[in-house]
N, C-alpha and C. Protein backbone atom coordinates (compact mmCIF):
# COMPACT_ATOMS: atom_id res chain seq x y z
N MET A 1 0.85 -1.18 0.00
CA MET A 1 0.00 0.00 0.00
C MET A 1 0.89 1.23 0.00
N ALA A 2 0.60 2.20 -0.82
CA ALA A 2 1.39 3.42 -0.90
C ALA A 2 1.19 4.26 0.36
N GLN A 3 2.26 4.90 0.79
CA GLN A 3 2.21 5.74 1.98
C GLN A 3 1.56 7.07 1.61
N PRO A 4 0.51 7.50 2.32
CA PRO A 4 -0.13 8.78 2.02
C PRO A 4 0.85 9.93 2.21
N SER A 5 0.71 10.93 1.37
CA SER A 5 1.55 12.11 1.48
C SER A 5 1.31 12.79 2.82
N GLY A 6 2.39 13.28 3.43
CA GLY A 6 2.26 14.04 4.66
C GLY A 6 2.30 13.23 5.92
N THR A 7 2.65 11.95 5.83
CA THR A 7 2.75 11.13 7.03
C THR A 7 4.04 10.33 7.01
N GLN A 8 4.49 9.96 8.20
CA GLN A 8 5.66 9.10 8.34
C GLN A 8 5.17 7.79 8.94
N PRO A 9 5.48 6.64 8.30
CA PRO A 9 4.92 5.37 8.77
C PRO A 9 5.59 4.86 10.03
N SER A 10 4.84 4.07 10.78
CA SER A 10 5.38 3.29 11.88
C SER A 10 5.08 1.83 11.57
N GLU A 11 5.46 0.94 12.45
CA GLU A 11 5.19 -0.47 12.20
C GLU A 11 3.70 -0.74 12.25
N PRO A 12 3.19 -1.55 11.30
CA PRO A 12 1.76 -1.88 11.35
C PRO A 12 1.45 -2.73 12.57
N ARG A 13 0.27 -2.55 13.13
CA ARG A 13 -0.20 -3.36 14.25
C ARG A 13 -1.50 -4.01 13.82
N ARG A 14 -1.88 -5.07 14.47
CA ARG A 14 -3.10 -5.78 14.12
C ARG A 14 -4.16 -5.56 15.18
N ALA A 15 -5.35 -5.24 14.75
CA ALA A 15 -6.49 -5.16 15.65
C ALA A 15 -6.98 -6.59 15.91
N PRO A 16 -7.75 -6.78 16.98
CA PRO A 16 -8.25 -8.13 17.27
C PRO A 16 -8.97 -8.79 16.10
N GLU A 17 -9.64 -8.02 15.26
CA GLU A 17 -10.35 -8.58 14.11
C GLU A 17 -9.39 -8.83 12.95
N ASP A 18 -8.09 -8.72 13.19
CA ASP A 18 -7.05 -8.95 12.20
C ASP A 18 -7.07 -7.92 11.08
N GLN A 19 -7.61 -6.75 11.36
CA GLN A 19 -7.53 -5.65 10.41
C GLN A 19 -6.25 -4.89 10.71
N PRO A 20 -5.51 -4.51 9.69
CA PRO A 20 -4.26 -3.78 9.96
C PRO A 20 -4.54 -2.40 10.55
N VAL A 21 -3.80 -2.06 11.59
CA VAL A 21 -3.85 -0.74 12.19
C VAL A 21 -2.49 -0.11 11.96
N GLN A 22 -2.48 1.03 11.29
CA GLN A 22 -1.24 1.72 10.97
C GLN A 22 -1.25 3.06 11.70
N VAL A 23 -0.22 3.34 12.49
CA VAL A 23 -0.10 4.63 13.15
C VAL A 23 0.97 5.43 12.43
N GLU A 24 0.64 6.67 12.11
CA GLU A 24 1.53 7.56 11.38
C GLU A 24 1.60 8.91 12.09
N GLU A 25 2.73 9.57 11.98
CA GLU A 25 2.83 10.95 12.44
C GLU A 25 2.50 11.84 11.25
N ALA A 26 1.48 12.65 11.41
CA ALA A 26 1.06 13.55 10.33
C ALA A 26 2.07 14.69 10.20
N THR A 27 2.41 15.03 8.96
CA THR A 27 3.37 16.10 8.71
C THR A 27 2.83 17.17 7.77
N GLU A 28 1.67 16.91 7.18
CA GLU A 28 1.12 17.83 6.19
C GLU A 28 -0.39 17.96 6.36
N ALA A 29 -0.90 19.18 6.22
CA ALA A 29 -2.34 19.44 6.36
C ALA A 29 -3.06 19.11 5.07
N THR A 30 -3.34 17.83 4.88
CA THR A 30 -4.04 17.40 3.67
C THR A 30 -5.55 17.53 3.86
N PRO A 31 -6.31 17.61 2.78
CA PRO A 31 -7.77 17.62 2.91
C PRO A 31 -8.29 16.37 3.64
N GLU A 32 -7.66 15.22 3.40
CA GLU A 32 -8.09 14.00 4.07
C GLU A 32 -7.90 14.12 5.59
N LEU A 33 -6.75 14.63 6.01
CA LEU A 33 -6.48 14.77 7.44
C LEU A 33 -7.43 15.78 8.06
N LEU A 34 -7.63 16.91 7.41
CA LEU A 34 -8.56 17.92 7.92
C LEU A 34 -9.97 17.35 8.07
N GLY A 35 -10.43 16.63 7.07
CA GLY A 35 -11.76 16.02 7.14
C GLY A 35 -11.87 15.00 8.26
N ALA A 36 -10.84 14.18 8.43
CA ALA A 36 -10.86 13.18 9.49
C ALA A 36 -10.91 13.84 10.86
N LEU A 37 -10.10 14.86 11.06
CA LEU A 37 -10.09 15.55 12.35
C LEU A 37 -11.41 16.27 12.60
N ARG A 38 -12.00 16.84 11.57
CA ARG A 38 -13.30 17.49 11.73
C ARG A 38 -14.38 16.48 12.13
N ARG A 39 -14.22 15.23 11.71
CA ARG A 39 -15.17 14.17 12.06
C ARG A 39 -14.89 13.63 13.46
N LEU A 40 -13.62 13.51 13.82
CA LEU A 40 -13.24 12.88 15.08
C LEU A 40 -13.33 13.81 16.29
N LEU A 41 -12.85 15.03 16.16
CA LEU A 41 -12.75 15.92 17.33
C LEU A 41 -14.08 16.17 18.03
N PRO A 42 -15.21 16.29 17.32
CA PRO A 42 -16.48 16.45 18.04
C PRO A 42 -16.83 15.24 18.90
N GLN A 43 -16.27 14.07 18.61
CA GLN A 43 -16.51 12.90 19.45
C GLN A 43 -15.75 13.01 20.78
N LEU A 44 -14.75 13.88 20.80
CA LEU A 44 -13.97 14.12 22.02
C LEU A 44 -14.55 15.28 22.81
N SER A 45 -14.89 16.35 22.12
CA SER A 45 -15.35 17.56 22.79
C SER A 45 -16.39 18.28 21.95
N ALA A 46 -17.59 18.38 22.48
CA ALA A 46 -18.66 19.09 21.77
C ALA A 46 -18.42 20.59 21.78
N SER A 47 -17.60 21.09 22.69
CA SER A 47 -17.39 22.53 22.80
C SER A 47 -16.17 23.03 22.02
N ALA A 48 -15.39 22.12 21.45
CA ALA A 48 -14.22 22.55 20.68
C ALA A 48 -14.68 23.27 19.41
N PRO A 49 -14.02 24.38 19.07
CA PRO A 49 -14.40 25.06 17.84
C PRO A 49 -14.04 24.21 16.63
N PRO A 50 -14.75 24.38 15.53
CA PRO A 50 -14.43 23.61 14.33
C PRO A 50 -12.98 23.86 13.89
N LEU A 51 -12.31 22.79 13.49
CA LEU A 51 -10.91 22.89 13.06
C LEU A 51 -10.84 23.52 11.69
N THR A 52 -9.97 24.51 11.55
CA THR A 52 -9.75 25.15 10.26
C THR A 52 -8.44 24.65 9.66
N GLU A 53 -8.29 24.82 8.37
CA GLU A 53 -7.05 24.43 7.71
C GLU A 53 -5.87 25.23 8.27
N ASP A 54 -6.08 26.52 8.52
CA ASP A 54 -4.99 27.34 9.06
C ASP A 54 -4.54 26.86 10.44
N ARG A 55 -5.51 26.50 11.29
CA ARG A 55 -5.13 26.02 12.62
C ARG A 55 -4.42 24.68 12.53
N LEU A 56 -4.88 23.80 11.65
CA LEU A 56 -4.21 22.51 11.47
C LEU A 56 -2.78 22.73 10.98
N ARG A 57 -2.59 23.63 10.05
CA ARG A 57 -1.22 23.94 9.57
C ARG A 57 -0.35 24.46 10.71
N ALA A 58 -0.91 25.31 11.55
CA ALA A 58 -0.16 25.85 12.67
C ALA A 58 0.23 24.75 13.66
N VAL A 59 -0.69 23.83 13.92
CA VAL A 59 -0.41 22.71 14.82
C VAL A 59 0.74 21.89 14.26
N LEU A 60 0.65 21.53 12.99
CA LEU A 60 1.67 20.68 12.38
C LEU A 60 3.02 21.40 12.25
N ALA A 61 3.00 22.71 12.15
CA ALA A 61 4.25 23.47 12.00
C ALA A 61 4.96 23.68 13.34
N HIS A 62 4.25 23.53 14.43
CA HIS A 62 4.85 23.78 15.75
C HIS A 62 5.86 22.69 16.08
N PRO A 63 7.09 23.06 16.42
CA PRO A 63 8.12 22.03 16.67
C PRO A 63 7.86 21.17 17.90
N GLY A 64 7.02 21.62 18.80
CA GLY A 64 6.75 20.85 20.01
C GLY A 64 5.50 20.00 19.93
N VAL A 65 4.88 19.92 18.75
CA VAL A 65 3.63 19.18 18.60
C VAL A 65 3.84 18.04 17.60
N HIS A 66 3.36 16.87 17.98
CA HIS A 66 3.45 15.68 17.13
C HIS A 66 2.05 15.07 17.07
N LEU A 67 1.43 15.14 15.89
CA LEU A 67 0.07 14.66 15.69
C LEU A 67 0.12 13.28 15.05
N PHE A 68 -0.43 12.29 15.76
CA PHE A 68 -0.46 10.92 15.27
C PHE A 68 -1.88 10.58 14.81
N VAL A 69 -1.96 9.79 13.74
CA VAL A 69 -3.25 9.27 13.28
C VAL A 69 -3.16 7.75 13.19
N ALA A 70 -4.28 7.11 13.46
CA ALA A 70 -4.39 5.66 13.33
C ALA A 70 -5.34 5.36 12.19
N ARG A 71 -4.90 4.52 11.29
CA ARG A 71 -5.71 4.10 10.15
C ARG A 71 -6.10 2.64 10.29
N VAL A 72 -7.31 2.36 9.90
CA VAL A 72 -7.76 0.98 9.69
C VAL A 72 -8.10 0.92 8.21
N GLY A 73 -7.33 0.14 7.47
CA GLY A 73 -7.45 0.17 6.03
C GLY A 73 -7.02 1.54 5.54
N ASP A 74 -7.86 2.17 4.75
CA ASP A 74 -7.51 3.50 4.24
C ASP A 74 -8.23 4.63 4.97
N GLN A 75 -8.87 4.33 6.11
CA GLN A 75 -9.63 5.32 6.86
C GLN A 75 -8.90 5.75 8.12
N VAL A 76 -8.81 7.06 8.36
CA VAL A 76 -8.30 7.57 9.63
C VAL A 76 -9.40 7.35 10.66
N ARG A 77 -9.08 6.57 11.70
CA ARG A 77 -10.07 6.21 12.71
C ARG A 77 -9.70 6.67 14.11
N GLY A 78 -8.53 7.31 14.25
CA GLY A 78 -8.15 7.81 15.57
C GLY A 78 -7.04 8.82 15.46
N THR A 79 -6.90 9.61 16.52
CA THR A 79 -5.85 10.62 16.55
C THR A 79 -5.39 10.86 17.99
N LEU A 80 -4.17 11.35 18.11
CA LEU A 80 -3.56 11.68 19.40
C LEU A 80 -2.55 12.78 19.14
N THR A 81 -2.45 13.71 20.07
CA THR A 81 -1.45 14.77 19.97
C THR A 81 -0.48 14.64 21.14
N LEU A 82 0.80 14.61 20.82
CA LEU A 82 1.86 14.63 21.82
C LEU A 82 2.50 16.01 21.78
N THR A 83 2.55 16.67 22.94
CA THR A 83 3.29 17.92 23.02
C THR A 83 4.56 17.65 23.80
N ALA A 84 5.64 18.26 23.36
CA ALA A 84 6.93 18.11 24.02
C ALA A 84 7.57 19.49 24.09
N LEU A 85 7.62 20.04 25.30
CA LEU A 85 8.09 21.41 25.47
C LEU A 85 9.30 21.45 26.40
N PRO A 86 10.34 22.14 25.99
CA PRO A 86 11.51 22.27 26.87
C PRO A 86 11.24 23.30 27.96
N LEU A 87 11.40 22.88 29.20
CA LEU A 87 11.23 23.76 30.35
C LEU A 87 12.53 23.77 31.14
N ALA A 88 12.66 24.70 32.06
CA ALA A 88 13.87 24.74 32.90
C ALA A 88 14.04 23.44 33.68
N SER A 89 12.93 22.78 34.01
CA SER A 89 12.99 21.54 34.78
C SER A 89 13.19 20.30 33.90
N GLY A 90 13.25 20.48 32.60
CA GLY A 90 13.43 19.36 31.68
C GLY A 90 12.34 19.33 30.63
N LEU A 91 12.48 18.39 29.70
CA LEU A 91 11.50 18.27 28.63
C LEU A 91 10.19 17.72 29.19
N ARG A 92 9.11 18.44 28.99
CA ARG A 92 7.79 18.04 29.49
C ARG A 92 6.98 17.50 28.32
N ALA A 93 6.54 16.26 28.40
CA ALA A 93 5.73 15.65 27.35
C ALA A 93 4.33 15.38 27.88
N THR A 94 3.34 15.67 27.06
CA THR A 94 1.95 15.49 27.45
C THR A 94 1.17 14.93 26.26
N ILE A 95 0.31 13.98 26.55
CA ILE A 95 -0.60 13.45 25.54
C ILE A 95 -1.93 14.19 25.68
N GLU A 96 -2.44 14.66 24.55
CA GLU A 96 -3.68 15.43 24.51
C GLU A 96 -4.56 14.93 23.37
N ASP A 97 -5.82 15.30 23.41
CA ASP A 97 -6.77 15.12 22.30
C ASP A 97 -6.75 13.70 21.72
N VAL A 98 -6.84 12.71 22.59
CA VAL A 98 -6.92 11.32 22.13
C VAL A 98 -8.38 11.01 21.80
N VAL A 99 -8.61 10.59 20.58
CA VAL A 99 -9.98 10.20 20.21
C VAL A 99 -9.91 9.07 19.18
N VAL A 100 -10.69 8.04 19.44
CA VAL A 100 -10.86 6.93 18.51
C VAL A 100 -12.31 6.95 18.06
N ASP A 101 -12.51 6.85 16.76
CA ASP A 101 -13.84 6.86 16.18
C ASP A 101 -14.73 5.83 16.88
N GLU A 102 -15.96 6.23 17.14
CA GLU A 102 -16.91 5.34 17.83
C GLU A 102 -17.02 3.97 17.15
N VAL A 103 -16.93 3.95 15.82
CA VAL A 103 -17.08 2.69 15.09
C VAL A 103 -15.84 1.80 15.18
N ALA A 104 -14.74 2.33 15.71
CA ALA A 104 -13.49 1.56 15.75
C ALA A 104 -12.98 1.32 17.17
N ARG A 105 -13.77 1.68 18.17
CA ARG A 105 -13.32 1.50 19.54
C ARG A 105 -13.23 0.01 19.88
N GLY A 106 -12.29 -0.31 20.76
CA GLY A 106 -12.09 -1.68 21.18
C GLY A 106 -11.25 -2.51 20.22
N GLN A 107 -10.65 -1.87 19.21
CA GLN A 107 -9.85 -2.59 18.22
C GLN A 107 -8.35 -2.35 18.40
N GLY A 108 -7.94 -1.69 19.48
CA GLY A 108 -6.51 -1.50 19.73
C GLY A 108 -5.93 -0.20 19.20
N LEU A 109 -6.77 0.68 18.67
CA LEU A 109 -6.25 1.93 18.12
C LEU A 109 -5.71 2.85 19.21
N GLY A 110 -6.44 2.96 20.33
CA GLY A 110 -5.97 3.81 21.42
C GLY A 110 -4.63 3.34 21.94
N ARG A 111 -4.46 2.04 22.09
CA ARG A 111 -3.19 1.47 22.53
C ARG A 111 -2.08 1.79 21.53
N ALA A 112 -2.36 1.56 20.25
CA ALA A 112 -1.36 1.80 19.21
C ALA A 112 -0.93 3.26 19.17
N LEU A 113 -1.90 4.17 19.26
CA LEU A 113 -1.60 5.60 19.27
C LEU A 113 -0.76 5.97 20.49
N THR A 114 -1.16 5.49 21.66
CA THR A 114 -0.45 5.84 22.89
C THR A 114 0.97 5.27 22.87
N GLU A 115 1.13 4.04 22.41
CA GLU A 115 2.46 3.46 22.34
C GLU A 115 3.36 4.23 21.38
N ALA A 116 2.81 4.68 20.25
CA ALA A 116 3.59 5.49 19.31
C ALA A 116 4.02 6.80 19.95
N ALA A 117 3.13 7.42 20.71
CA ALA A 117 3.45 8.68 21.39
C ALA A 117 4.52 8.46 22.46
N LEU A 118 4.42 7.38 23.20
CA LEU A 118 5.42 7.09 24.24
C LEU A 118 6.79 6.84 23.62
N THR A 119 6.82 6.15 22.51
CA THR A 119 8.09 5.91 21.80
C THR A 119 8.68 7.23 21.33
N LYS A 120 7.86 8.10 20.76
CA LYS A 120 8.34 9.41 20.29
C LYS A 120 8.85 10.24 21.46
N ALA A 121 8.12 10.25 22.57
CA ALA A 121 8.53 11.03 23.74
C ALA A 121 9.89 10.55 24.26
N ALA A 122 10.09 9.25 24.29
CA ALA A 122 11.38 8.70 24.73
C ALA A 122 12.48 9.11 23.78
N THR A 123 12.21 9.07 22.48
CA THR A 123 13.19 9.47 21.48
C THR A 123 13.57 10.94 21.64
N LEU A 124 12.60 11.76 22.02
CA LEU A 124 12.85 13.20 22.20
C LEU A 124 13.59 13.51 23.49
N GLY A 125 13.65 12.54 24.42
CA GLY A 125 14.37 12.74 25.67
C GLY A 125 13.51 13.05 26.87
N ALA A 126 12.22 12.86 26.76
CA ALA A 126 11.34 13.10 27.91
C ALA A 126 11.55 12.00 28.95
N ARG A 127 11.50 12.37 30.22
CA ARG A 127 11.59 11.38 31.30
C ARG A 127 10.23 10.84 31.67
N THR A 128 9.20 11.67 31.54
CA THR A 128 7.84 11.27 31.87
C THR A 128 6.88 11.79 30.80
N VAL A 129 5.70 11.19 30.78
CA VAL A 129 4.63 11.65 29.89
C VAL A 129 3.37 11.75 30.73
N ASP A 130 2.73 12.89 30.68
CA ASP A 130 1.49 13.11 31.42
C ASP A 130 0.31 13.07 30.47
N LEU A 131 -0.85 12.77 31.03
CA LEU A 131 -2.11 12.90 30.30
C LEU A 131 -3.22 13.07 31.31
N THR A 132 -4.34 13.58 30.85
CA THR A 132 -5.54 13.64 31.67
C THR A 132 -6.65 12.91 30.92
N SER A 133 -7.58 12.36 31.67
CA SER A 133 -8.71 11.68 31.07
C SER A 133 -9.90 11.79 32.01
N ARG A 134 -11.03 12.15 31.47
CA ARG A 134 -12.23 12.27 32.29
C ARG A 134 -12.57 10.92 32.92
N PRO A 135 -13.02 10.91 34.17
CA PRO A 135 -13.42 9.65 34.81
C PRO A 135 -14.50 8.91 34.03
N SER A 136 -15.34 9.62 33.30
CA SER A 136 -16.41 8.97 32.54
C SER A 136 -15.87 8.15 31.37
N ARG A 137 -14.65 8.37 30.97
CA ARG A 137 -14.03 7.59 29.89
C ARG A 137 -13.37 6.35 30.48
N GLU A 138 -14.23 5.46 30.98
CA GLU A 138 -13.76 4.31 31.74
C GLU A 138 -12.82 3.41 30.95
N ALA A 139 -13.14 3.10 29.70
CA ALA A 139 -12.28 2.22 28.91
C ALA A 139 -10.92 2.87 28.69
N ALA A 140 -10.89 4.16 28.41
CA ALA A 140 -9.62 4.85 28.21
C ALA A 140 -8.79 4.84 29.49
N ASN A 141 -9.42 5.07 30.62
CA ASN A 141 -8.69 5.06 31.88
C ASN A 141 -8.12 3.69 32.18
N ARG A 142 -8.86 2.64 31.90
CA ARG A 142 -8.34 1.28 32.09
C ARG A 142 -7.14 1.04 31.18
N LEU A 143 -7.24 1.49 29.93
CA LEU A 143 -6.13 1.33 28.99
C LEU A 143 -4.88 2.01 29.50
N TYR A 144 -5.00 3.26 29.93
CA TYR A 144 -3.82 4.00 30.40
C TYR A 144 -3.19 3.30 31.58
N GLN A 145 -3.99 2.78 32.48
CA GLN A 145 -3.44 2.06 33.63
C GLN A 145 -2.75 0.77 33.19
N ARG A 146 -3.33 0.04 32.25
CA ARG A 146 -2.69 -1.17 31.73
C ARG A 146 -1.36 -0.86 31.05
N LEU A 147 -1.26 0.30 30.43
CA LEU A 147 -0.02 0.69 29.76
C LEU A 147 1.05 1.18 30.74
N GLY A 148 0.68 1.36 32.01
CA GLY A 148 1.66 1.76 33.01
C GLY A 148 1.53 3.18 33.54
N PHE A 149 0.55 3.92 33.06
CA PHE A 149 0.32 5.25 33.61
C PHE A 149 -0.19 5.09 35.04
N GLN A 150 0.26 5.97 35.91
CA GLN A 150 -0.19 5.95 37.29
C GLN A 150 -0.97 7.22 37.59
N GLN A 151 -2.10 7.04 38.26
CA GLN A 151 -2.91 8.19 38.61
C GLN A 151 -2.17 9.02 39.65
N ARG A 152 -2.14 10.32 39.45
CA ARG A 152 -1.44 11.22 40.36
C ARG A 152 -2.45 11.94 41.23
N GLN A 153 -2.01 12.26 42.42
CA GLN A 153 -2.83 13.04 43.35
C GLN A 153 -2.48 14.50 43.14
N THR A 154 -3.22 15.13 42.28
CA THR A 154 -2.97 16.53 41.96
C THR A 154 -4.29 17.20 41.62
N ASN A 155 -4.30 18.47 41.64
CA ASN A 155 -5.46 19.25 41.22
C ASN A 155 -5.18 19.80 39.84
N VAL A 156 -6.16 19.75 38.98
CA VAL A 156 -6.06 20.37 37.67
C VAL A 156 -6.97 21.59 37.69
N TYR A 157 -6.41 22.71 37.34
CA TYR A 157 -7.17 23.96 37.32
C TYR A 157 -7.22 24.47 35.90
N ARG A 158 -8.29 25.17 35.57
CA ARG A 158 -8.42 25.79 34.26
C ARG A 158 -8.93 27.21 34.45
N PHE A 159 -8.29 28.13 33.78
CA PHE A 159 -8.72 29.52 33.76
C PHE A 159 -9.25 29.78 32.36
N ASP A 160 -10.49 30.16 32.24
CA ASP A 160 -11.13 30.37 30.95
C ASP A 160 -10.95 31.83 30.53
N LEU A 161 -10.02 32.06 29.62
CA LEU A 161 -9.72 33.43 29.17
C LEU A 161 -10.91 34.06 28.45
N ALA A 162 -11.67 33.26 27.70
CA ALA A 162 -12.83 33.81 26.97
C ALA A 162 -13.90 34.29 27.95
N VAL A 163 -14.15 33.53 29.01
CA VAL A 163 -15.13 33.95 30.01
C VAL A 163 -14.66 35.22 30.69
N GLN A 164 -13.40 35.28 31.04
CA GLN A 164 -12.85 36.47 31.69
C GLN A 164 -12.96 37.69 30.78
N ALA A 165 -12.67 37.52 29.50
CA ALA A 165 -12.78 38.62 28.55
C ALA A 165 -14.21 39.10 28.42
N ALA A 166 -15.16 38.17 28.40
CA ALA A 166 -16.59 38.53 28.29
C ALA A 166 -17.02 39.31 29.53
N ARG A 167 -16.53 38.89 30.69
CA ARG A 167 -16.88 39.61 31.94
C ARG A 167 -16.30 41.04 31.89
N ALA A 168 -15.11 41.18 31.39
CA ALA A 168 -14.46 42.48 31.34
C ALA A 168 -15.20 43.41 30.38
N GLU A 169 -15.76 42.85 29.30
CA GLU A 169 -16.49 43.67 28.32
C GLU A 169 -17.88 44.04 28.81
N GLY A 170 -18.46 43.16 29.64
CA GLY A 170 -19.86 43.31 30.02
C GLY A 170 -20.06 44.18 31.16
């Protein structure tokens, strides 16, 4: 099978149904990739703004961002973003925006994506990789624990700049 433009291949993995699962790091904002992300991201977050081609290009151009896609056959069925940022305390790696298409869940795509991200983080020199996952995503949380992630006792805070700006204007 020819390698799609804009991606770098990794080793193929097999889903339980013996369908090939291929994880690739996306390098180019193709119409196919944009369409797949527009279909997948709402399954992760209903409040995320629609992805534009310009924002996708900016994501892919950022040196600290690595966007992985999982294919089953010729269809993109999952995605994961690894961020790797140099800080004074060392390279900080974080997994974000993990989503597997509802029709492909339970076939090993989440595992394949996460393993690819962990391999990339190790190659980049990260000592640890962090991620967050909502408690309601029970299958994902079980997967992360099986892969060796340990739940941390920490508080996660979010400051909503848009809400603050609206308050300041109102």
